[in-house]
Amino acid sequence: MNARRIAVIGAGMSGAACARLLADAGCAVQVFDKSRGVGGRMATRRAEWPAADGQVQQVRFDHGVPGFSAHAAEFLRFVEQAARDGLLARWVPRLAPGSYAPLDDAALWVATPDMPALCRALLAGLPLRTQCAVDALQRTPAGWRLLSAGSVVGEGFDAVVLAIPPAQAATLLQPHQADWARRAQAMPMQPCWVLMGVTTADAAPADWDLAWPTEGPLGWVLRNEAKPGRPPAPGHAHWVLQATARWSLTHLVAPAAEVQSALQAALAAWLGQPQQWQHAAVHRWRYASVPRAAGAPVAGRCAWDAALGLGVCGDAWGGSGVEGAWSSGRALATAITDGPGTGT
């Protein structure tokens, strides 16, 4: 019997977890992603800047998910095995004075040597097409056909998995599962502006790694070089500043230069002194996170229509954060491989 051919659209944590379990169950999986690499919001950006001595310096910023916690027993087992495999490291950051108290302990897991490493490992050996934005699905007698900018990029699939933000999934769902499309469109996702920068270390505090300010535009203030596997640059501090969801929404379409200036000023205000910036850039995540109030998983943690061969997963379905995304992807893969059925 030929293996079931399944297309997974989205190579973030949910898509990677789903693809891995499907492949392990004997399915022929092909993964598509619109970005240059995998990981989705588990992202790391590389940058260069000229130092005072004229030498080009290199730095990496974890500008998406800064780190994550693990709670459910199944996810804990996965995380602990990934740590034994050298893909994850435990980070217990020193919290800045004046930070709000975390809802659980401050310890976090971070992927090494960069945040996409965990998704790369899950997708190892699977056919992967990046820089391919799938913008239409067609259901034909020969199976599902995927299109990008009017061109066919894959066809003959028995099933399609959508592991992308719900607003993006809604567009692909609308012609085939209008009820799911409406549901996905209504799922709230919060934006986040992020500043990545390098300053001289003389004005940077040396006694903490992470701050959660209680007021102002900054939600997370991280010293990126303090994380495991992130090499420090002597005499420099590597900053990742995540704006709050409210501030990011208010400034959603603001010019990048304006956002950069505002976040640099916010850091100066938080530290009580200006910083000497050697390099800075900003990035906007339009769909960064699930609001905590809406973070409970939906029934089943995914949606799967066996008659159509169409499924949806992601943190908006499985519960917020990396754990929710992983759980949702695994739940969808299980629903697909367990046999016929339609449900959410």
C-alpha atoms as a PDB file:
ATOM      1  CA  MET A   1       0.000   0.000   0.000  1.00  0.00           C
ATOM      2  CA  ASN A   2       1.300   3.425  -0.885  1.00  0.00           C
ATOM      3  CA  ALA A   3       1.972   5.788   2.023  1.00  0.00           C
ATOM      4  CA  ARG A   4      -0.510   8.590   2.540  1.00  0.00           C
ATOM      5  CA  ARG A   5       0.863  11.815   1.086  1.00  0.00           C
ATOM      6  CA  ILE A   6       0.380  14.753   3.411  1.00  0.00           C
ATOM      7  CA  ALA A   7       1.332  18.396   2.900  1.00  0.00           C
ATOM      8  CA  VAL A   8       2.130  20.393   6.020  1.00  0.00           C
ATOM      9  CA  ILE A   9       1.976  24.143   5.507  1.00  0.00           C
ATOM     10  CA  GLY A  10       4.014  25.875   8.204  1.00  0.00           C
ATOM     11  CA  ALA A  11       7.381  24.834   9.634  1.00  0.00           C
ATOM     12  CA  GLY A  12       7.041  26.325  13.102  1.00  0.00           C
ATOM     13  CA  MET A  13       6.756  24.204  16.222  1.00  0.00           C
ATOM     14  CA  SER A  14       3.215  23.009  15.554  1.00  0.00           C
ATOM     15  CA  GLY A  15       3.884  22.062  11.938  1.00  0.00           C
ATOM     16  CA  ALA A  16       7.220  20.445  12.787  1.00  0.00           C
ATOM     17  CA  ALA A  17       5.716  18.379  15.614  1.00  0.00           C
ATOM     18  CA  CYS A  18       2.837  17.282  13.391  1.00  0.00           C
ATOM     19  CA  ALA A  19       5.097  16.447  10.445  1.00  0.00           C
ATOM     20  CA  ARG A  20       7.485  14.410  12.597  1.00  0.00           C
ATOM     21  CA  LEU A  21       4.750  12.264  14.127  1.00  0.00           C
ATOM     22  CA  LEU A  22       3.092  11.728  10.728  1.00  0.00           C
ATOM     23  CA  ALA A  23       6.400  10.690   9.175  1.00  0.00           C
ATOM     24  CA  ASP A  24       7.147   8.352  12.067  1.00  0.00           C
ATOM     25  CA  ALA A  25       3.725   6.758  11.460  1.00  0.00           C
ATOM     26  CA  GLY A  26       4.680   5.991   7.859  1.00  0.00           C
ATOM     27  CA  CYS A  27       3.121   8.939   6.021  1.00  0.00           C
ATOM     28  CA  ALA A  28       4.907  10.633   3.137  1.00  0.00           C
ATOM     29  CA  VAL A  29       5.143  14.195   4.379  1.00  0.00           C
ATOM     30  CA  GLN A  30       6.204  17.330   2.542  1.00  0.00           C
ATOM     31  CA  VAL A  31       6.559  20.622   4.399  1.00  0.00           C
ATOM     32  CA  PHE A  32       6.105  24.113   2.975  1.00  0.00           C
ATOM     33  CA  ASP A  33       6.961  27.436   4.596  1.00  0.00           C
ATOM     34  CA  LYS A  34       6.965  31.012   3.335  1.00  0.00           C
ATOM     35  CA  SER A  35      10.120  31.957   5.258  1.00  0.00           C
ATOM     36  CA  ARG A  36      13.751  31.317   4.395  1.00  0.00           C
ATOM     37  CA  GLY A  37      14.130  28.830   7.212  1.00  0.00           C
ATOM     38  CA  VAL A  38      12.130  26.828   9.717  1.00  0.00           C
ATOM     39  CA  GLY A  39      11.047  27.615  13.256  1.00  0.00           C
ATOM     40  CA  GLY A  40       8.311  30.198  12.810  1.00  0.00           C
ATOM     41  CA  ARG A  41       8.349  32.349  15.936  1.00  0.00           C
ATOM     42  CA  MET A  42      11.162  30.204  17.342  1.00  0.00           C
ATOM     43  CA  ALA A  43      13.464  32.523  15.452  1.00  0.00           C
ATOM     44  CA  THR A  44      17.045  33.766  15.571  1.00  0.00           C
ATOM     45  CA  ARG A  45      18.394  36.588  13.402  1.00  0.00           C
ATOM     46  CA  ARG A  46      22.042  37.129  12.510  1.00  0.00           C
ATOM     47  CA  ALA A  47      23.455  40.639  12.147  1.00  0.00           C
ATOM     48  CA  GLU A  48      26.772  42.372  11.558  1.00  0.00           C
ATOM     49  CA  TRP A  49      28.053  45.786  12.526  1.00  0.00           C
ATOM     50  CA  PRO A  50      31.409  47.580  12.304  1.00  0.00           C
ATOM     51  CA  ALA A  51      33.147  47.932  15.647  1.00  0.00           C
ATOM     52  CA  ALA A  52      35.217  50.950  16.660  1.00  0.00           C
ATOM     53  CA  ASP A  53      38.398  49.233  15.472  1.00  0.00           C
ATOM     54  CA  GLY A  54      36.901  48.723  12.020  1.00  0.00           C
ATOM     55  CA  GLN A  55      36.442  44.979  12.449  1.00  0.00           C
ATOM     56  CA  VAL A  56      33.088  43.522  11.442  1.00  0.00           C
ATOM     57  CA  GLN A  57      31.342  42.005  14.449  1.00  0.00           C
ATOM     58  CA  GLN A  58      28.682  39.309  14.231  1.00  0.00           C
ATOM     59  CA  VAL A  59      25.809  38.748  16.607  1.00  0.00           C
ATOM     60  CA  ARG A  60      22.680  36.607  16.843  1.00  0.00           C
ATOM     61  CA  PHE A  61      19.405  37.685  18.408  1.00  0.00           C
ATOM     62  CA  ASP A  62      16.583  35.393  19.493  1.00  0.00           C
ATOM     63  CA  HIS A  63      13.949  37.842  18.347  1.00  0.00           C
ATOM     64  CA  GLY A  64      10.908  35.560  18.503  1.00  0.00           C
ATOM     65  CA  VAL A  65      10.169  33.215  21.391  1.00  0.00           C
ATOM     66  CA  PRO A  66      12.728  34.171  24.067  1.00  0.00           C
ATOM     67  CA  GLY A  67      12.349  30.889  25.942  1.00  0.00           C
ATOM     68  CA  PHE A  68       9.564  28.626  27.133  1.00  0.00           C
ATOM     69  CA  SER A  69       8.410  26.543  30.068  1.00  0.00           C
ATOM     70  CA  ALA A  70       7.121  22.969  30.150  1.00  0.00           C
ATOM     71  CA  HIS A  71       4.266  21.673  32.282  1.00  0.00           C
ATOM     72  CA  ALA A  72       2.375  18.677  30.866  1.00  0.00           C
ATOM     73  CA  ALA A  73       4.045  15.300  31.437  1.00  0.00           C
ATOM     74  CA  GLU A  74       4.204  14.386  27.727  1.00  0.00           C
ATOM     75  CA  PHE A  75       5.788  17.690  26.757  1.00  0.00           C
ATOM     76  CA  LEU A  76       8.207  17.469  29.687  1.00  0.00           C
ATOM     77  CA  ARG A  77       9.387  14.087  28.422  1.00  0.00           C
ATOM     78  CA  PHE A  78       9.924  15.548  24.958  1.00  0.00           C
ATOM     79  CA  VAL A  79      11.820  18.534  26.367  1.00  0.00           C
ATOM     80  CA  GLU A  80      14.014  16.438  28.627  1.00  0.00           C
ATOM     81  CA  GLN A  81      14.936  14.126  25.749  1.00  0.00           C
ATOM     82  CA  ALA A  82      15.726  17.144  23.549  1.00  0.00           C
ATOM     83  CA  ALA A  83      17.978  18.430  26.339  1.00  0.00           C
ATOM     84  CA  ARG A  84      19.798  15.086  26.484  1.00  0.00           C
ATOM     85  CA  ASP A  85      20.233  15.344  22.707  1.00  0.00           C
ATOM     86  CA  GLY A  86      21.851  18.765  23.101  1.00  0.00           C
ATOM     87  CA  LEU A  87      18.978  20.657  21.455  1.00  0.00           C
ATOM     88  CA  LEU A  88      17.714  22.439  24.566  1.00  0.00           C
ATOM     89  CA  ALA A  89      19.324  24.020  27.601  1.00  0.00           C
ATOM     90  CA  ARG A  90      17.808  25.160  30.895  1.00  0.00           C
ATOM     91  CA  TRP A  91      18.128  28.876  31.541  1.00  0.00           C
ATOM     92  CA  VAL A  92      17.550  30.381  34.977  1.00  0.00           C
ATOM     93  CA  PRO A  93      17.959  34.105  34.321  1.00  0.00           C
ATOM     94  CA  ARG A  94      18.779  36.623  36.997  1.00  0.00           C
ATOM     95  CA  LEU A  95      15.713  38.844  37.252  1.00  0.00           C
ATOM     96  CA  ALA A  96      16.085  42.610  37.359  1.00  0.00           C
ATOM     97  CA  PRO A  97      14.909  44.455  40.457  1.00  0.00           C
ATOM     98  CA  GLY A  98      11.453  45.869  39.899  1.00  0.00           C
ATOM     99  CA  SER A  99      10.316  43.062  37.601  1.00  0.00           C
ATOM    100  CA  TYR A 100       6.855  41.706  38.180  1.00  0.00           C
ATOM    101  CA  ALA A 101       6.716  38.255  39.739  1.00  0.00           C
ATOM    102  CA  PRO A 102       6.383  35.445  37.173  1.00  0.00           C
ATOM    103  CA  LEU A 103       3.262  33.294  37.188  1.00  0.00           C
ATOM    104  CA  ASP A 104       5.495  30.257  37.663  1.00  0.00           C
ATOM    105  CA  ASP A 105       9.218  29.912  38.244  1.00  0.00           C
ATOM    106  CA  ALA A 106      11.511  32.047  36.130  1.00  0.00           C
ATOM    107  CA  ALA A 107      13.404  29.086  34.658  1.00  0.00           C
ATOM    108  CA  LEU A 108      13.065  28.710  30.890  1.00  0.00           C
ATOM    109  CA  TRP A 109      14.125  26.318  28.168  1.00  0.00           C
ATOM    110  CA  VAL A 110      16.020  27.679  25.171  1.00  0.00           C
ATOM    111  CA  ALA A 111      17.027  25.853  22.015  1.00  0.00           C
ATOM    112  CA  THR A 112      20.730  25.623  21.185  1.00  0.00           C
ATOM    113  CA  PRO A 113      22.672  26.847  19.357  1.00  0.00           C
ATOM    114  CA  ASP A 114      19.722  28.944  18.139  1.00  0.00           C
ATOM    115  CA  MET A 115      15.957  28.895  18.561  1.00  0.00           C
ATOM    116  CA  PRO A 116      15.097  27.180  15.233  1.00  0.00           C
ATOM    117  CA  ALA A 117      17.345  24.213  16.140  1.00  0.00           C
ATOM    118  CA  LEU A 118      14.511  22.252  17.726  1.00  0.00           C
ATOM    119  CA  CYS A 119      12.292  22.547  14.642  1.00  0.00           C
ATOM    120  CA  ARG A 120      15.228  21.721  12.367  1.00  0.00           C
ATOM    121  CA  ALA A 121      15.767  18.507  14.324  1.00  0.00           C
ATOM    122  CA  LEU A 122      12.082  17.548  14.124  1.00  0.00           C
ATOM    123  CA  LEU A 123      12.060  18.142  10.370  1.00  0.00           C
ATOM    124  CA  ALA A 124      15.372  16.428   9.655  1.00  0.00           C
ATOM    125  CA  GLY A 125      15.132  14.166   6.621  1.00  0.00           C
ATOM    126  CA  LEU A 126      11.704  15.408   5.513  1.00  0.00           C
ATOM    127  CA  PRO A 127      11.148  17.092   2.135  1.00  0.00           C
ATOM    128  CA  LEU A 128      11.002  20.815   2.832  1.00  0.00           C
ATOM    129  CA  ARG A 129      10.310  23.751   0.548  1.00  0.00           C
ATOM    130  CA  THR A 130      11.009  27.175   2.018  1.00  0.00           C
ATOM    131  CA  GLN A 131      10.299  30.639   0.600  1.00  0.00           C
ATOM    132  CA  CYS A 132       7.074  29.191  -0.724  1.00  0.00           C
ATOM    133  CA  ALA A 133       3.920  31.029   0.372  1.00  0.00           C
ATOM    134  CA  VAL A 134       0.987  28.710  -0.327  1.00  0.00           C
ATOM    135  CA  ASP A 135      -1.947  31.019  -1.054  1.00  0.00           C
ATOM    136  CA  ALA A 136      -4.587  28.661  -2.462  1.00  0.00           C
ATOM    137  CA  LEU A 137      -5.752  25.058  -2.095  1.00  0.00           C
ATOM    138  CA  GLN A 138      -7.642  23.106  -4.737  1.00  0.00           C
ATOM    139  CA  ARG A 139      -9.306  19.751  -4.121  1.00  0.00           C
ATOM    140  CA  THR A 140      -9.220  17.588  -7.227  1.00  0.00           C
ATOM    141  CA  PRO A 141     -10.078  13.945  -7.970  1.00  0.00           C
ATOM    142  CA  ALA A 142      -6.338  13.228  -7.790  1.00  0.00           C
ATOM    143  CA  GLY A 143      -5.984  14.873  -4.376  1.00  0.00           C
ATOM    144  CA  TRP A 144      -5.080  18.257  -2.983  1.00  0.00           C
ATOM    145  CA  ARG A 145      -3.209  20.769  -5.125  1.00  0.00           C
ATOM    146  CA  LEU A 146      -1.193  23.628  -3.591  1.00  0.00           C
ATOM    147  CA  LEU A 147      -0.665  26.910  -5.390  1.00  0.00           C
ATOM    148  CA  SER A 148       1.637  29.858  -4.812  1.00  0.00           C
ATOM    149  CA  ALA A 149       1.140  33.051  -6.837  1.00  0.00           C
ATOM    150  CA  GLY A 150      -0.863  31.070  -9.387  1.00  0.00           C
ATOM    151  CA  SER A 151       1.711  28.319  -9.859  1.00  0.00           C
ATOM    152  CA  VAL A 152       1.314  24.731  -8.704  1.00  0.00           C
ATOM    153  CA  VAL A 153       3.884  23.909  -6.021  1.00  0.00           C
ATOM    154  CA  GLY A 154       2.560  20.498  -5.021  1.00  0.00           C
ATOM    155  CA  GLU A 155      -0.299  18.150  -5.908  1.00  0.00           C
ATOM    156  CA  GLY A 156      -1.694  14.694  -5.363  1.00  0.00           C
ATOM    157  CA  PHE A 157      -1.812  15.007  -1.577  1.00  0.00           C
ATOM    158  CA  ASP A 158      -4.258  12.899   0.401  1.00  0.00           C
ATOM    159  CA  ALA A 159      -4.405  15.497   3.173  1.00  0.00           C
ATOM    160  CA  VAL A 160      -3.312  19.038   3.976  1.00  0.00           C
ATOM    161  CA  VAL A 161      -2.315  20.355   7.383  1.00  0.00           C
ATOM    162  CA  LEU A 162      -2.435  24.105   8.042  1.00  0.00           C
ATOM    163  CA  ALA A 163       0.014  24.989  10.830  1.00  0.00           C
ATOM    164  CA  ILE A 164      -0.016  28.753  10.346  1.00  0.00           C
ATOM    165  CA  PRO A 165      -1.570  31.681  12.253  1.00  0.00           C
ATOM    166  CA  PRO A 166      -5.383  31.425  12.231  1.00  0.00           C
ATOM    167  CA  ALA A 167      -5.972  34.609  10.231  1.00  0.00           C
ATOM    168  CA  GLN A 168      -3.747  33.209   7.472  1.00  0.00           C
ATOM    169  CA  ALA A 169      -5.312  29.754   7.725  1.00  0.00           C
ATOM    170  CA  ALA A 170      -8.787  31.281   7.354  1.00  0.00           C
ATOM    171  CA  THR A 171      -8.025  32.393   3.795  1.00  0.00           C
ATOM    172  CA  LEU A 172      -7.088  28.865   2.745  1.00  0.00           C
ATOM    173  CA  LEU A 173      -9.978  27.304   4.669  1.00  0.00           C
ATOM    174  CA  GLN A 174     -12.749  29.533   3.326  1.00  0.00           C
ATOM    175  CA  PRO A 175     -13.489  27.657   0.065  1.00  0.00           C
ATOM    176  CA  HIS A 176     -13.464  24.253   1.785  1.00  0.00           C
ATOM    177  CA  GLN A 177     -14.468  24.643   5.452  1.00  0.00           C
ATOM    178  CA  ALA A 178     -16.250  27.971   5.849  1.00  0.00           C
ATOM    179  CA  ASP A 179     -17.214  27.302   9.482  1.00  0.00           C
ATOM    180  CA  TRP A 180     -13.588  26.712  10.438  1.00  0.00           C
ATOM    181  CA  ALA A 181     -12.571  29.792   8.481  1.00  0.00           C
ATOM    182  CA  ARG A 182     -14.953  31.965  10.490  1.00  0.00           C
ATOM    183  CA  ARG A 183     -13.745  30.380  13.696  1.00  0.00           C
ATOM    184  CA  ALA A 184     -10.094  30.901  12.784  1.00  0.00           C
ATOM    185  CA  GLN A 185     -10.688  34.502  11.751  1.00  0.00           C
ATOM    186  CA  ALA A 186     -12.187  35.195  15.179  1.00  0.00           C
ATOM    187  CA  MET A 187      -9.256  33.702  17.100  1.00  0.00           C
ATOM    188  CA  PRO A 188      -7.310  36.546  18.727  1.00  0.00           C
ATOM    189  CA  MET A 189      -3.578  36.819  18.118  1.00  0.00           C
ATOM    190  CA  GLN A 190      -1.455  39.610  19.554  1.00  0.00           C
ATOM    191  CA  PRO A 191       1.284  41.501  17.705  1.00  0.00           C
ATOM    192  CA  CYS A 192       4.740  42.261  19.044  1.00  0.00           C
ATOM    193  CA  TRP A 193       7.378  44.792  18.023  1.00  0.00           C
ATOM    194  CA  VAL A 194      10.909  43.649  18.858  1.00  0.00           C
ATOM    195  CA  LEU A 195      14.122  45.650  19.000  1.00  0.00           C
ATOM    196  CA  MET A 196      17.456  43.846  18.561  1.00  0.00           C
ATOM    197  CA  GLY A 197      20.539  45.852  19.400  1.00  0.00           C
ATOM    198  CA  VAL A 198      24.096  46.046  20.648  1.00  0.00           C
ATOM    199  CA  THR A 199      25.355  48.636  23.118  1.00  0.00           C
ATOM    200  CA  THR A 200      28.624  49.197  24.887  1.00  0.00           C
ATOM    201  CA  ALA A 201      28.655  47.383  28.195  1.00  0.00           C
ATOM    202  CA  ASP A 202      29.812  50.305  30.335  1.00  0.00           C
ATOM    203  CA  ALA A 203      26.263  51.641  30.814  1.00  0.00           C
ATOM    204  CA  ALA A 204      24.557  48.233  30.841  1.00  0.00           C
ATOM    205  CA  PRO A 205      23.748  46.575  34.161  1.00  0.00           C
ATOM    206  CA  ALA A 206      25.867  43.548  35.000  1.00  0.00           C
ATOM    207  CA  ASP A 207      23.694  42.041  37.745  1.00  0.00           C
ATOM    208  CA  TRP A 208      20.641  40.819  35.811  1.00  0.00           C
ATOM    209  CA  ASP A 209      19.748  39.016  32.575  1.00  0.00           C
ATOM    210  CA  LEU A 210      16.008  39.482  32.225  1.00  0.00           C
ATOM    211  CA  ALA A 211      13.506  42.159  33.178  1.00  0.00           C
ATOM    212  CA  TRP A 212       9.720  42.199  33.096  1.00  0.00           C
ATOM    213  CA  PRO A 213       8.865  45.890  33.552  1.00  0.00           C
ATOM    214  CA  THR A 214       5.638  46.644  35.367  1.00  0.00           C
ATOM    215  CA  GLU A 215       4.780  49.688  33.246  1.00  0.00           C
ATOM    216  CA  GLY A 216       5.691  51.374  29.995  1.00  0.00           C
ATOM    217  CA  PRO A 217       5.971  49.902  26.480  1.00  0.00           C
ATOM    218  CA  LEU A 218       8.461  47.131  27.313  1.00  0.00           C
ATOM    219  CA  GLY A 219       7.196  43.660  28.170  1.00  0.00           C
ATOM    220  CA  TRP A 220      10.489  41.732  28.056  1.00  0.00           C
ATOM    221  CA  VAL A 221      14.023  43.110  28.345  1.00  0.00           C
ATOM    222  CA  LEU A 222      16.657  40.446  27.715  1.00  0.00           C
ATOM    223  CA  ARG A 223      20.424  40.262  27.645  1.00  0.00           C
ATOM    224  CA  ASN A 224      20.638  37.781  24.806  1.00  0.00           C
ATOM    225  CA  GLU A 225      24.277  36.882  25.481  1.00  0.00           C
ATOM    226  CA  ALA A 226      23.277  35.629  28.943  1.00  0.00           C
ATOM    227  CA  LYS A 227      21.367  32.696  27.447  1.00  0.00           C
ATOM    228  CA  PRO A 228      23.029  29.273  27.129  1.00  0.00           C
ATOM    229  CA  GLY A 229      24.933  28.791  23.889  1.00  0.00           C
ATOM    230  CA  ARG A 230      24.964  32.479  22.995  1.00  0.00           C
ATOM    231  CA  PRO A 231      28.573  33.653  22.860  1.00  0.00           C
ATOM    232  CA  PRO A 232      29.198  37.032  24.523  1.00  0.00           C
ATOM    233  CA  ALA A 233      31.085  39.872  22.872  1.00  0.00           C
ATOM    234  CA  PRO A 234      33.521  41.440  25.366  1.00  0.00           C
ATOM    235  CA  GLY A 235      32.628  45.025  26.093  1.00  0.00           C
ATOM    236  CA  HIS A 236      29.165  44.786  24.548  1.00  0.00           C
ATOM    237  CA  ALA A 237      25.612  43.974  25.617  1.00  0.00           C
ATOM    238  CA  HIS A 238      23.213  42.210  23.263  1.00  0.00           C
ATOM    239  CA  TRP A 239      19.661  43.409  23.842  1.00  0.00           C
ATOM    240  CA  VAL A 240      16.326  41.954  22.766  1.00  0.00           C
ATOM    241  CA  LEU A 241      13.436  44.220  23.741  1.00  0.00           C
ATOM    242  CA  GLN A 242       9.885  42.974  23.269  1.00  0.00           C
ATOM    243  CA  ALA A 243       7.157  45.579  23.414  1.00  0.00           C
ATOM    244  CA  THR A 244       3.881  44.790  25.160  1.00  0.00           C
ATOM    245  CA  ALA A 245       0.979  43.576  23.056  1.00  0.00           C
ATOM    246  CA  ARG A 246      -1.003  46.729  23.796  1.00  0.00           C
ATOM    247  CA  TRP A 247       1.813  49.043  22.741  1.00  0.00           C
ATOM    248  CA  SER A 248       2.546  46.924  19.669  1.00  0.00           C
ATOM    249  CA  LEU A 249      -1.095  47.031  18.597  1.00  0.00           C
ATOM    250  CA  THR A 250      -1.241  50.796  19.054  1.00  0.00           C
ATOM    251  CA  HIS A 251       1.898  51.172  16.914  1.00  0.00           C
ATOM    252  CA  LEU A 252       1.144  48.297  14.537  1.00  0.00           C
ATOM    253  CA  VAL A 253       1.682  50.323  11.351  1.00  0.00           C
ATOM    254  CA  ALA A 254       4.155  52.858  12.740  1.00  0.00           C
ATOM    255  CA  PRO A 255       7.375  53.384  10.744  1.00  0.00           C
ATOM    256  CA  ALA A 256      10.222  51.128  11.856  1.00  0.00           C
ATOM    257  CA  ALA A 257      12.464  54.115  12.642  1.00  0.00           C
ATOM    258  CA  GLU A 258       9.822  55.551  14.955  1.00  0.00           C
ATOM    259  CA  VAL A 259       9.384  52.216  16.753  1.00  0.00           C
ATOM    260  CA  GLN A 260      13.144  51.810  17.143  1.00  0.00           C
ATOM    261  CA  SER A 261      13.538  55.259  18.653  1.00  0.00           C
ATOM    262  CA  ALA A 262      10.642  54.712  21.058  1.00  0.00           C
ATOM    263  CA  LEU A 263      11.947  51.376  22.314  1.00  0.00           C
ATOM    264  CA  GLN A 264      15.480  52.701  22.720  1.00  0.00           C
ATOM    265  CA  ALA A 265      14.058  55.563  24.767  1.00  0.00           C
ATOM    266  CA  ALA A 266      12.021  53.099  26.829  1.00  0.00           C
ATOM    267  CA  LEU A 267      15.156  51.112  27.678  1.00  0.00           C
ATOM    268  CA  ALA A 268      16.970  54.289  28.702  1.00  0.00           C
ATOM    269  CA  ALA A 269      14.043  55.174  30.961  1.00  0.00           C
ATOM    270  CA  TRP A 270      13.959  51.667  32.475  1.00  0.00           C
ATOM    271  CA  LEU A 271      17.713  51.688  33.144  1.00  0.00           C
ATOM    272  CA  GLY A 272      17.809  55.312  34.233  1.00  0.00           C
ATOM    273  CA  GLN A 273      20.516  56.229  31.728  1.00  0.00           C
ATOM    274  CA  PRO A 274      20.968  56.279  27.942  1.00  0.00           C
ATOM    275  CA  GLN A 275      22.845  53.545  26.110  1.00  0.00           C
ATOM    276  CA  GLN A 276      25.518  53.828  23.443  1.00  0.00           C
ATOM    277  CA  TRP A 277      24.019  51.913  20.532  1.00  0.00           C
ATOM    278  CA  GLN A 278      26.407  50.208  18.135  1.00  0.00           C
ATOM    279  CA  HIS A 279      23.713  48.412  16.161  1.00  0.00           C
ATOM    280  CA  ALA A 280      19.896  48.334  16.232  1.00  0.00           C
ATOM    281  CA  ALA A 281      17.035  46.962  14.154  1.00  0.00           C
ATOM    282  CA  VAL A 282      13.363  46.207  14.741  1.00  0.00           C
ATOM    283  CA  HIS A 283      11.045  43.431  13.642  1.00  0.00           C
ATOM    284  CA  ARG A 284       7.252  43.248  13.806  1.00  0.00           C
ATOM    285  CA  TRP A 285       5.503  39.992  14.537  1.00  0.00           C
ATOM    286  CA  ARG A 286       1.908  40.540  13.438  1.00  0.00           C
ATOM    287  CA  TYR A 287       0.813  37.236  14.991  1.00  0.00           C
ATOM    288  CA  ALA A 288       3.132  36.846  17.960  1.00  0.00           C
ATOM    289  CA  SER A 289       1.108  35.248  20.729  1.00  0.00           C
ATOM    290  CA  VAL A 290      -2.243  34.090  21.988  1.00  0.00           C
ATOM    291  CA  PRO A 291      -3.738  36.392  24.662  1.00  0.00           C
ATOM    292  CA  ARG A 292      -3.478  34.750  28.065  1.00  0.00           C
ATOM    293  CA  ALA A 293      -7.243  35.103  28.594  1.00  0.00           C
ATOM    294  CA  ALA A 294      -7.829  33.183  25.346  1.00  0.00           C
ATOM    295  CA  GLY A 295      -5.004  30.711  25.825  1.00  0.00           C
ATOM    296  CA  ALA A 296      -7.062  27.671  26.820  1.00  0.00           C
ATOM    297  CA  PRO A 297      -6.993  24.920  24.186  1.00  0.00           C
ATOM    298  CA  VAL A 298     -10.061  24.265  22.065  1.00  0.00           C
ATOM    299  CA  ALA A 299     -11.699  20.850  22.246  1.00  0.00           C
ATOM    300  CA  GLY A 300      -9.319  18.357  20.705  1.00  0.00           C
ATOM    301  CA  ARG A 301      -6.521  20.968  20.404  1.00  0.00           C
ATOM    302  CA  CYS A 302      -6.929  20.968  16.607  1.00  0.00           C
ATOM    303  CA  ALA A 303      -9.482  20.526  13.815  1.00  0.00           C
ATOM    304  CA  TRP A 304      -9.556  17.557  11.438  1.00  0.00           C
ATOM    305  CA  ASP A 305     -12.004  16.640   8.669  1.00  0.00           C
ATOM    306  CA  ALA A 306     -11.205  13.126   7.478  1.00  0.00           C
ATOM    307  CA  ALA A 307     -13.702  13.306   4.626  1.00  0.00           C
ATOM    308  CA  LEU A 308     -11.928  16.324   3.174  1.00  0.00           C
ATOM    309  CA  GLY A 309      -8.450  15.401   4.324  1.00  0.00           C
ATOM    310  CA  LEU A 310      -8.001  18.843   5.866  1.00  0.00           C
ATOM    311  CA  GLY A 311      -6.681  19.798   9.285  1.00  0.00           C
ATOM    312  CA  VAL A 312      -5.613  22.835  11.289  1.00  0.00           C
ATOM    313  CA  CYS A 313      -3.291  23.148  14.278  1.00  0.00           C
ATOM    314  CA  GLY A 314      -1.257  25.766  16.137  1.00  0.00           C
ATOM    315  CA  ASP A 315      -0.974  27.519  19.465  1.00  0.00           C
ATOM    316  CA  ALA A 316      -4.307  29.297  18.942  1.00  0.00           C
ATOM    317  CA  TRP A 317      -5.912  25.847  18.911  1.00  0.00           C
ATOM    318  CA  GLY A 318      -3.741  23.968  21.368  1.00  0.00           C
ATOM    319  CA  GLY A 319      -3.091  26.598  24.039  1.00  0.00           C
ATOM    320  CA  SER A 320      -0.623  29.466  24.117  1.00  0.00           C
ATOM    321  CA  GLY A 321       3.127  29.135  23.836  1.00  0.00           C
ATOM    322  CA  VAL A 322       5.538  26.542  22.496  1.00  0.00           C
ATOM    323  CA  GLU A 323       3.932  23.793  24.569  1.00  0.00           C
ATOM    324  CA  GLY A 324       0.492  24.614  23.172  1.00  0.00           C
ATOM    325  CA  ALA A 325       1.815  24.621  19.604  1.00  0.00           C
ATOM    326  CA  TRP A 326       3.595  21.278  20.082  1.00  0.00           C
ATOM    327  CA  SER A 327       0.541  19.706  21.726  1.00  0.00           C
ATOM    328  CA  SER A 328      -1.735  20.898  18.921  1.00  0.00           C
ATOM    329  CA  GLY A 329       0.523  19.537  16.180  1.00  0.00           C
ATOM    330  CA  ARG A 330       0.785  16.178  17.921  1.00  0.00           C
ATOM    331  CA  ALA A 331      -2.985  16.059  18.471  1.00  0.00           C
ATOM    332  CA  LEU A 332      -3.658  16.633  14.768  1.00  0.00           C
ATOM    333  CA  ALA A 333      -1.134  14.004  13.680  1.00  0.00           C
ATOM    334  CA  THR A 334      -2.780  11.524  16.058  1.00  0.00           C
ATOM    335  CA  ALA A 335      -6.227  12.360  14.698  1.00  0.00           C
ATOM    336  CA  ILE A 336      -4.992  11.799  11.137  1.00  0.00           C
ATOM    337  CA  THR A 337      -3.293   8.479  11.836  1.00  0.00           C
ATOM    338  CA  ASP A 338      -5.946   7.068  14.170  1.00  0.00           C
ATOM    339  CA  GLY A 339      -8.448   6.690  11.343  1.00  0.00           C
ATOM    340  CA  PRO A 340     -11.634   8.283   9.994  1.00  0.00           C
ATOM    341  CA  GLY A 341     -13.499  11.016  11.780  1.00  0.00           C
ATOM    342  CA  THR A 342     -14.377  14.674  11.686  1.00  0.00           C
ATOM    343  CA  GLY A 343     -14.014  16.922  14.670  1.00  0.00           C
ATOM    344  CA  THR A 344     -12.567  19.894  16.449  1.00  0.00           C
END
